[in-house]
Amino acid sequence: MLYLDMIVNKDWRPNFYKYEKVRRSGRYNMIMEAKQAIKACGISSKEYRDILLGYSTYKHYIEAQYGSVDKFMRKFRE
């Protein structure tokens, strides 16, 4: 997990939060309807792609730091 700091920018949490919020809504298929999901997330297509491709890495990092993605979502929103 130490390599995560090398592959993501320091400000990835807000983008992950936005991505996860849209993903959880179930409104879009995050792969097949990527253009609509990107607009709903309000992030760039590069940031979206990075989160999509590294989702499990981000998720493991969040779980290690916050205990669960749910706890992260509640805490980050505050």
C-alpha atoms as a PDB file:
ATOM      1  CA  MET A   1       0.000   0.000   0.000  1.00  0.00           C
ATOM      2  CA  LEU A   2       2.942   2.339   0.340  1.00  0.00           C
ATOM      3  CA  TYR A   3       3.019   2.797  -3.427  1.00  0.00           C
ATOM      4  CA  LEU A   4      -0.403   4.496  -3.345  1.00  0.00           C
ATOM      5  CA  ASP A   5       1.173   7.814  -2.364  1.00  0.00           C
ATOM      6  CA  MET A   6       3.290   7.649  -5.492  1.00  0.00           C
ATOM      7  CA  ILE A   7       0.427   7.005  -7.936  1.00  0.00           C
ATOM      8  CA  VAL A   8      -2.206   9.438  -6.691  1.00  0.00           C
ATOM      9  CA  ASN A   9      -2.165  13.120  -6.002  1.00  0.00           C
ATOM     10  CA  LYS A  10      -2.600  14.399  -2.473  1.00  0.00           C
ATOM     11  CA  ASP A  11      -6.089  15.653  -3.234  1.00  0.00           C
ATOM     12  CA  TRP A  12      -7.725  12.389  -4.381  1.00  0.00           C
ATOM     13  CA  ARG A  13     -10.206  12.006  -1.493  1.00  0.00           C
ATOM     14  CA  PRO A  14     -12.709  14.633  -2.751  1.00  0.00           C
ATOM     15  CA  ASN A  15     -12.732  12.994  -6.176  1.00  0.00           C
ATOM     16  CA  PHE A  16     -13.176   9.521  -4.687  1.00  0.00           C
ATOM     17  CA  TYR A  17     -16.034  10.846  -2.551  1.00  0.00           C
ATOM     18  CA  LYS A  18     -17.774  12.341  -5.608  1.00  0.00           C
ATOM     19  CA  TYR A  19     -17.233   9.147  -7.624  1.00  0.00           C
ATOM     20  CA  GLU A  20     -18.496   6.931  -4.814  1.00  0.00           C
ATOM     21  CA  LYS A  21     -21.542   9.124  -4.240  1.00  0.00           C
ATOM     22  CA  VAL A  22     -22.576   8.771  -7.905  1.00  0.00           C
ATOM     23  CA  ARG A  23     -21.709   5.055  -7.940  1.00  0.00           C
ATOM     24  CA  ARG A  24     -23.873   4.419  -4.886  1.00  0.00           C
ATOM     25  CA  SER A  25     -26.802   6.262  -6.402  1.00  0.00           C
ATOM     26  CA  GLY A  26     -27.081   3.493  -8.987  1.00  0.00           C
ATOM     27  CA  ARG A  27     -28.214   6.019 -11.547  1.00  0.00           C
ATOM     28  CA  TYR A  28     -25.425   5.250 -14.008  1.00  0.00           C
ATOM     29  CA  ASN A  29     -23.460   2.227 -15.079  1.00  0.00           C
ATOM     30  CA  MET A  30     -20.059   3.664 -14.216  1.00  0.00           C
ATOM     31  CA  ILE A  31     -18.418   2.013 -17.243  1.00  0.00           C
ATOM     32  CA  MET A  32     -21.063   1.953 -19.960  1.00  0.00           C
ATOM     33  CA  GLU A  33     -22.448   5.407 -19.134  1.00  0.00           C
ATOM     34  CA  ALA A  34     -19.135   6.995 -18.240  1.00  0.00           C
ATOM     35  CA  LYS A  35     -19.806  10.322 -19.978  1.00  0.00           C
ATOM     36  CA  GLN A  36     -22.962  10.912 -17.966  1.00  0.00           C
ATOM     37  CA  ALA A  37     -21.342   9.662 -14.758  1.00  0.00           C
ATOM     38  CA  ILE A  38     -18.348  11.974 -15.243  1.00  0.00           C
ATOM     39  CA  LYS A  39     -20.683  14.944 -15.553  1.00  0.00           C
ATOM     40  CA  ALA A  40     -22.619  13.844 -12.464  1.00  0.00           C
ATOM     41  CA  CYS A  41     -19.380  13.426 -10.492  1.00  0.00           C
ATOM     42  CA  GLY A  42     -18.120  16.838 -11.505  1.00  0.00           C
ATOM     43  CA  ILE A  43     -14.555  15.623 -12.017  1.00  0.00           C
ATOM     44  CA  SER A  44     -12.329  15.462 -15.081  1.00  0.00           C
ATOM     45  CA  SER A  45     -12.287  12.404 -17.308  1.00  0.00           C
ATOM     46  CA  LYS A  46      -8.655  11.756 -16.291  1.00  0.00           C
ATOM     47  CA  GLU A  47      -9.534  11.821 -12.591  1.00  0.00           C
ATOM     48  CA  TYR A  48     -12.540   9.588 -13.280  1.00  0.00           C
ATOM     49  CA  ARG A  49     -10.402   7.112 -15.208  1.00  0.00           C
ATOM     50  CA  ASP A  50      -7.786   7.025 -12.438  1.00  0.00           C
ATOM     51  CA  ILE A  51     -10.426   6.236  -9.827  1.00  0.00           C
ATOM     52  CA  LEU A  52     -12.162   3.670 -12.027  1.00  0.00           C
ATOM     53  CA  LEU A  53      -8.938   1.820 -12.827  1.00  0.00           C
ATOM     54  CA  GLY A  54      -7.567   2.006  -9.287  1.00  0.00           C
ATOM     55  CA  TYR A  55     -10.857   1.618  -7.444  1.00  0.00           C
ATOM     56  CA  SER A  56      -9.854  -1.444  -5.418  1.00  0.00           C
ATOM     57  CA  THR A  57      -6.587   0.217  -4.374  1.00  0.00           C
ATOM     58  CA  TYR A  58      -8.400   3.365  -3.285  1.00  0.00           C
ATOM     59  CA  LYS A  59     -11.032   1.276  -1.498  1.00  0.00           C
ATOM     60  CA  HIS A  60      -8.417  -0.733   0.420  1.00  0.00           C
ATOM     61  CA  TYR A  61      -6.640   2.473   1.412  1.00  0.00           C
ATOM     62  CA  ILE A  62      -9.921   4.023   2.615  1.00  0.00           C
ATOM     63  CA  GLU A  63     -10.808   0.877   4.569  1.00  0.00           C
ATOM     64  CA  ALA A  64      -7.392   0.823   6.218  1.00  0.00           C
ATOM     65  CA  GLN A  65      -7.610   4.485   7.165  1.00  0.00           C
ATOM     66  CA  TYR A  66     -11.320   4.861   8.041  1.00  0.00           C
ATOM     67  CA  GLY A  67     -12.464   1.302   8.759  1.00  0.00           C
ATOM     68  CA  SER A  68     -14.984   1.212   5.909  1.00  0.00           C
ATOM     69  CA  VAL A  69     -16.068   3.171   2.876  1.00  0.00           C
ATOM     70  CA  ASP A  70     -19.332   3.997   4.670  1.00  0.00           C
ATOM     71  CA  LYS A  71     -17.441   5.631   7.528  1.00  0.00           C
ATOM     72  CA  PHE A  72     -15.336   7.564   5.026  1.00  0.00           C
ATOM     73  CA  MET A  73     -18.450   8.788   3.214  1.00  0.00           C
ATOM     74  CA  ARG A  74     -20.023   9.990   6.471  1.00  0.00           C
ATOM     75  CA  LYS A  75     -16.845  11.566   7.793  1.00  0.00           C
ATOM     76  CA  PHE A  76     -15.756  13.219   4.534  1.00  0.00           C
ATOM     77  CA  ARG A  77     -19.167  14.809   4.053  1.00  0.00           C
ATOM     78  CA  GLU A  78     -18.889  16.579   7.422  1.00  0.00           C
END
